[in-house]
Every structure is written in C-alpha cells, then in structure tokens.
Amino acid sequence: MPVVRSWAGVTTKENADAYLAHLRDETIPHLRSLSGFVAVEVLRRSAADGEHFRVHTTWVSMESICAFAGEDLDVAVVPPAAQVVLERYDPHVEHYEVVIR
C-alpha cells in the first residue's frame, strides 16, 4: 500500500523562490532517483507570518522511505541548503497510508 510522507516549513516572502528553486533543482531530482519513490506534491500558502509550504512525497512502502530517511522514519530530512532559507520547519514528519485514490 502506498505511503505519503507529509512535512511542513515556513519561509519569509523573500526566501520563498529560493526554497522552491532548492526543491526543483536539488531535492526533487534526488527523490526521483530513489527506488520506491512515486511522486511529490508541494503546497504553498501565503500568510502574515510568511510563506507556508507543505511537502507530500508518495512512496511504494515504508521500507522505501527507510532507504531515504534512515532508521528514524519520523525525523524530517532537511538539508542544510534548505535550512538556510527556511524561517522554521517541522523537525518531524507524518506518514499516511493511501487508502483511496
């Protein structure tokens, strides 16, 4: 059963484009190279306190997520280049089984 890994972060309005560029140029190509990766969806919402992003990645199984994230599956994988442009982010992720598509 497919699994969605959900994570959120916030940038300033000034850093939003830099964060999106990081996702497009580094994170997403890396994810697409991994066995078991299915898809990515990046959601964006503007608010008074910044640009809110939610990233959903879909994987074929929890085992394939483990190959990406390591043993502690609930810890977010946030590369240093992303941390520089993020104002704040969730240190943990949530996993959901896809039950209807």
N, C-alpha and C. Protein backbone atom coordinates (compact mmCIF):
# COMPACT_ATOMS: atom_id res chain seq x y z
N MET A 1 0.85 -1.18 0.00
CA MET A 1 0.00 0.00 0.00
C MET A 1 0.90 1.24 0.00
N PRO A 2 0.65 2.21 -0.91
CA PRO A 2 1.47 3.43 -0.94
C PRO A 2 1.38 4.21 0.37
N VAL A 3 2.44 4.97 0.64
CA VAL A 3 2.53 5.78 1.85
C VAL A 3 2.91 7.21 1.47
N VAL A 4 2.21 8.18 2.07
CA VAL A 4 2.54 9.58 1.88
C VAL A 4 3.29 10.08 3.11
N ARG A 5 4.40 10.73 2.86
CA ARG A 5 5.22 11.36 3.91
C ARG A 5 4.91 12.85 3.84
N SER A 6 4.45 13.44 4.94
CA SER A 6 4.00 14.82 4.96
C SER A 6 4.86 15.64 5.91
N TRP A 7 5.27 16.83 5.43
CA TRP A 7 6.17 17.69 6.20
C TRP A 7 5.84 19.14 5.89
N ALA A 8 6.13 20.05 6.82
CA ALA A 8 5.82 21.47 6.61
C ALA A 8 6.96 22.36 7.05
N GLY A 9 7.07 23.51 6.36
CA GLY A 9 8.05 24.52 6.70
C GLY A 9 7.55 25.89 6.28
N VAL A 10 8.21 26.93 6.79
CA VAL A 10 7.81 28.31 6.50
C VAL A 10 9.05 29.10 6.12
N THR A 11 8.92 29.91 5.06
CA THR A 11 9.97 30.84 4.67
C THR A 11 9.45 32.26 4.80
N THR A 12 10.36 33.20 4.71
CA THR A 12 9.93 34.58 4.54
C THR A 12 9.47 34.73 3.09
N LYS A 13 8.74 35.79 2.81
CA LYS A 13 8.31 36.03 1.42
C LYS A 13 9.53 36.17 0.50
N GLU A 14 10.60 36.77 1.02
CA GLU A 14 11.81 36.98 0.23
C GLU A 14 12.53 35.68 -0.10
N ASN A 15 12.42 34.68 0.75
CA ASN A 15 13.14 33.42 0.54
C ASN A 15 12.30 32.32 -0.12
N ALA A 16 11.04 32.61 -0.39
CA ALA A 16 10.16 31.58 -0.95
C ALA A 16 10.66 31.06 -2.29
N ASP A 17 11.06 31.94 -3.19
CA ASP A 17 11.54 31.49 -4.50
C ASP A 17 12.82 30.69 -4.38
N ALA A 18 13.69 31.06 -3.46
CA ALA A 18 14.94 30.31 -3.25
C ALA A 18 14.63 28.91 -2.74
N TYR A 19 13.64 28.80 -1.86
CA TYR A 19 13.27 27.47 -1.36
C TYR A 19 12.70 26.62 -2.49
N LEU A 20 11.82 27.19 -3.30
CA LEU A 20 11.26 26.45 -4.43
C LEU A 20 12.35 26.02 -5.41
N ALA A 21 13.33 26.89 -5.64
CA ALA A 21 14.45 26.54 -6.52
C ALA A 21 15.24 25.38 -5.94
N HIS A 22 15.46 25.39 -4.62
CA HIS A 22 16.15 24.27 -3.98
C HIS A 22 15.38 22.97 -4.20
N LEU A 23 14.08 23.02 -4.02
CA LEU A 23 13.27 21.81 -4.24
C LEU A 23 13.38 21.33 -5.69
N ARG A 24 13.21 22.26 -6.64
CA ARG A 24 13.23 21.90 -8.06
C ARG A 24 14.60 21.40 -8.52
N ASP A 25 15.66 22.05 -8.04
CA ASP A 25 16.99 21.76 -8.55
C ASP A 25 17.74 20.66 -7.81
N GLU A 26 17.43 20.47 -6.53
CA GLU A 26 18.19 19.51 -5.73
C GLU A 26 17.33 18.39 -5.15
N THR A 27 16.34 18.75 -4.35
CA THR A 27 15.58 17.73 -3.63
C THR A 27 14.79 16.82 -4.56
N ILE A 28 13.99 17.39 -5.44
CA ILE A 28 13.12 16.56 -6.27
C ILE A 28 13.92 15.67 -7.23
N PRO A 29 14.96 16.17 -7.90
CA PRO A 29 15.76 15.25 -8.72
C PRO A 29 16.36 14.10 -7.90
N HIS A 30 16.81 14.39 -6.68
CA HIS A 30 17.34 13.33 -5.83
C HIS A 30 16.27 12.31 -5.49
N LEU A 31 15.09 12.78 -5.11
CA LEU A 31 14.00 11.86 -4.79
C LEU A 31 13.65 10.97 -5.98
N ARG A 32 13.59 11.56 -7.16
CA ARG A 32 13.23 10.80 -8.36
C ARG A 32 14.25 9.71 -8.68
N SER A 33 15.45 9.83 -8.17
CA SER A 33 16.48 8.82 -8.43
C SER A 33 16.38 7.63 -7.48
N LEU A 34 15.52 7.73 -6.46
CA LEU A 34 15.45 6.69 -5.43
C LEU A 34 14.42 5.61 -5.76
N SER A 35 14.79 4.39 -5.50
CA SER A 35 13.87 3.27 -5.69
C SER A 35 12.70 3.39 -4.71
N GLY A 36 11.50 3.21 -5.21
CA GLY A 36 10.32 3.26 -4.35
C GLY A 36 9.66 4.62 -4.28
N PHE A 37 10.32 5.65 -4.81
CA PHE A 37 9.70 6.98 -4.84
C PHE A 37 8.66 7.00 -5.95
N VAL A 38 7.48 7.57 -5.66
CA VAL A 38 6.40 7.61 -6.63
C VAL A 38 6.13 9.03 -7.13
N ALA A 39 5.93 9.98 -6.21
CA ALA A 39 5.52 11.32 -6.62
C ALA A 39 5.80 12.32 -5.51
N VAL A 40 5.75 13.61 -5.88
CA VAL A 40 5.88 14.70 -4.92
C VAL A 40 4.82 15.74 -5.22
N GLU A 41 4.34 16.36 -4.17
CA GLU A 41 3.38 17.45 -4.28
C GLU A 41 3.82 18.53 -3.29
N VAL A 42 3.99 19.75 -3.78
CA VAL A 42 4.40 20.86 -2.94
C VAL A 42 3.25 21.86 -2.89
N LEU A 43 2.77 22.13 -1.69
CA LEU A 43 1.66 23.06 -1.48
C LEU A 43 2.20 24.34 -0.87
N ARG A 44 1.59 25.47 -1.24
CA ARG A 44 2.07 26.77 -0.74
C ARG A 44 0.87 27.61 -0.32
N ARG A 45 1.04 28.31 0.80
CA ARG A 45 0.00 29.21 1.31
C ARG A 45 0.67 30.45 1.87
N SER A 46 0.25 31.63 1.40
CA SER A 46 0.77 32.89 1.92
C SER A 46 -0.01 33.28 3.17
N ALA A 47 0.72 33.74 4.18
CA ALA A 47 0.11 34.18 5.44
C ALA A 47 0.89 35.38 5.95
N ALA A 48 0.36 36.02 6.96
CA ALA A 48 1.01 37.20 7.52
C ALA A 48 2.40 36.89 8.06
N ASP A 49 2.61 35.67 8.54
CA ASP A 49 3.91 35.31 9.13
C ASP A 49 4.86 34.65 8.14
N GLY A 50 4.53 34.62 6.86
CA GLY A 50 5.44 34.06 5.87
C GLY A 50 4.75 33.17 4.86
N GLU A 51 5.57 32.49 4.08
CA GLU A 51 5.09 31.55 3.07
C GLU A 51 5.15 30.15 3.65
N HIS A 52 4.00 29.52 3.77
CA HIS A 52 3.90 28.18 4.36
C HIS A 52 3.94 27.15 3.24
N PHE A 53 4.77 26.14 3.43
CA PHE A 53 4.89 25.06 2.46
C PHE A 53 4.57 23.74 3.15
N ARG A 54 3.86 22.88 2.43
CA ARG A 54 3.65 21.51 2.87
C ARG A 54 4.11 20.63 1.73
N VAL A 55 4.98 19.69 2.04
CA VAL A 55 5.54 18.79 1.03
C VAL A 55 5.02 17.38 1.30
N HIS A 56 4.39 16.80 0.29
CA HIS A 56 3.91 15.42 0.36
C HIS A 56 4.71 14.60 -0.64
N THR A 57 5.36 13.57 -0.16
CA THR A 57 6.01 12.64 -1.07
C THR A 57 5.31 11.30 -0.94
N THR A 58 5.14 10.63 -2.06
CA THR A 58 4.49 9.33 -2.07
C THR A 58 5.52 8.26 -2.39
N TRP A 59 5.43 7.18 -1.63
CA TRP A 59 6.38 6.07 -1.73
C TRP A 59 5.61 4.76 -1.84
N VAL A 60 6.26 3.73 -2.39
CA VAL A 60 5.57 2.45 -2.53
C VAL A 60 5.38 1.75 -1.20
N SER A 61 6.25 2.06 -0.21
CA SER A 61 6.15 1.37 1.08
C SER A 61 6.97 2.11 2.13
N MET A 62 6.77 1.73 3.39
CA MET A 62 7.58 2.29 4.47
C MET A 62 9.04 1.88 4.31
N GLU A 63 9.29 0.71 3.74
CA GLU A 63 10.66 0.25 3.53
C GLU A 63 11.40 1.18 2.57
N SER A 64 10.72 1.65 1.53
CA SER A 64 11.37 2.56 0.60
C SER A 64 11.64 3.91 1.26
N ILE A 65 10.78 4.34 2.17
CA ILE A 65 11.03 5.58 2.92
C ILE A 65 12.25 5.41 3.81
N CYS A 66 12.38 4.26 4.40
CA CYS A 66 13.52 3.98 5.28
C CYS A 66 14.85 4.12 4.51
N ALA A 67 14.86 3.68 3.26
CA ALA A 67 16.08 3.80 2.45
C ALA A 67 16.44 5.28 2.23
N PHE A 68 15.45 6.15 2.20
CA PHE A 68 15.68 7.59 2.03
C PHE A 68 15.98 8.27 3.35
N ALA A 69 15.15 8.01 4.37
CA ALA A 69 15.19 8.79 5.61
C ALA A 69 16.06 8.19 6.70
N GLY A 70 16.40 6.92 6.58
CA GLY A 70 17.16 6.27 7.64
C GLY A 70 16.24 5.57 8.63
N GLU A 71 16.83 5.11 9.71
CA GLU A 71 16.10 4.29 10.68
C GLU A 71 14.99 5.03 11.42
N ASP A 72 15.21 6.30 11.75
CA ASP A 72 14.20 7.06 12.47
C ASP A 72 13.29 7.75 11.46
N LEU A 73 12.26 7.05 11.05
CA LEU A 73 11.40 7.50 9.96
C LEU A 73 10.62 8.78 10.27
N ASP A 74 10.45 9.09 11.53
CA ASP A 74 9.65 10.26 11.90
C ASP A 74 10.46 11.56 11.94
N VAL A 75 11.75 11.48 11.73
CA VAL A 75 12.59 12.68 11.72
C VAL A 75 12.63 13.25 10.30
N ALA A 76 12.43 14.55 10.18
CA ALA A 76 12.46 15.20 8.87
C ALA A 76 13.87 15.21 8.30
N VAL A 77 13.95 15.06 6.99
CA VAL A 77 15.22 15.18 6.28
C VAL A 77 15.23 16.58 5.66
N VAL A 78 15.98 17.49 6.27
CA VAL A 78 16.03 18.88 5.81
C VAL A 78 17.50 19.24 5.58
N PRO A 79 17.92 19.23 4.32
CA PRO A 79 19.33 19.51 4.02
C PRO A 79 19.73 20.93 4.45
N PRO A 80 21.01 21.13 4.73
CA PRO A 80 21.49 22.45 5.15
C PRO A 80 21.10 23.57 4.18
N ALA A 81 21.11 23.31 2.88
CA ALA A 81 20.74 24.34 1.91
C ALA A 81 19.29 24.79 2.08
N ALA A 82 18.43 23.88 2.49
CA ALA A 82 17.03 24.24 2.74
C ALA A 82 16.90 24.97 4.08
N GLN A 83 17.64 24.52 5.07
CA GLN A 83 17.57 25.14 6.39
C GLN A 83 17.94 26.62 6.33
N VAL A 84 18.84 26.99 5.43
CA VAL A 84 19.28 28.38 5.31
C VAL A 84 18.14 29.30 4.90
N VAL A 85 17.24 28.83 4.05
CA VAL A 85 16.17 29.69 3.55
C VAL A 85 14.84 29.51 4.29
N LEU A 86 14.76 28.50 5.14
CA LEU A 86 13.54 28.30 5.91
C LEU A 86 13.59 29.12 7.20
N GLU A 87 12.51 29.76 7.52
CA GLU A 87 12.38 30.51 8.76
C GLU A 87 12.19 29.56 9.93
N ARG A 88 11.38 28.53 9.69
CA ARG A 88 11.15 27.46 10.67
C ARG A 88 10.57 26.27 9.92
N TYR A 89 10.69 25.09 10.56
CA TYR A 89 10.16 23.88 9.92
C TYR A 89 9.90 22.82 10.97
N ASP A 90 9.03 21.90 10.60
CA ASP A 90 8.73 20.79 11.49
C ASP A 90 9.93 19.85 11.54
N PRO A 91 10.39 19.50 12.73
CA PRO A 91 11.51 18.57 12.82
C PRO A 91 11.08 17.12 12.58
N HIS A 92 9.79 16.89 12.57
CA HIS A 92 9.26 15.55 12.36
C HIS A 92 8.27 15.53 11.20
N VAL A 93 8.01 14.37 10.67
CA VAL A 93 7.07 14.17 9.57
C VAL A 93 5.94 13.27 10.04
N GLU A 94 4.91 13.19 9.22
CA GLU A 94 3.81 12.26 9.46
C GLU A 94 3.69 11.36 8.24
N HIS A 95 3.30 10.12 8.48
CA HIS A 95 3.11 9.16 7.40
C HIS A 95 1.65 8.73 7.36
N TYR A 96 1.11 8.65 6.14
CA TYR A 96 -0.26 8.23 5.93
C TYR A 96 -0.32 7.15 4.87
N GLU A 97 -1.06 6.09 5.13
CA GLU A 97 -1.31 5.09 4.11
C GLU A 97 -2.35 5.64 3.15
N VAL A 98 -2.15 5.45 1.86
CA VAL A 98 -3.13 5.87 0.86
C VAL A 98 -4.20 4.78 0.81
N VAL A 99 -5.41 5.13 1.18
CA VAL A 99 -6.48 4.13 1.22
C VAL A 99 -7.50 4.29 0.11
N ILE A 100 -7.61 5.49 -0.46
CA ILE A 100 -8.47 5.74 -1.61
C ILE A 100 -7.73 6.69 -2.54
N ARG A 101 -7.74 6.37 -3.80
CA ARG A 101 -7.09 7.26 -4.78
C ARG A 101 -8.03 7.46 -5.93
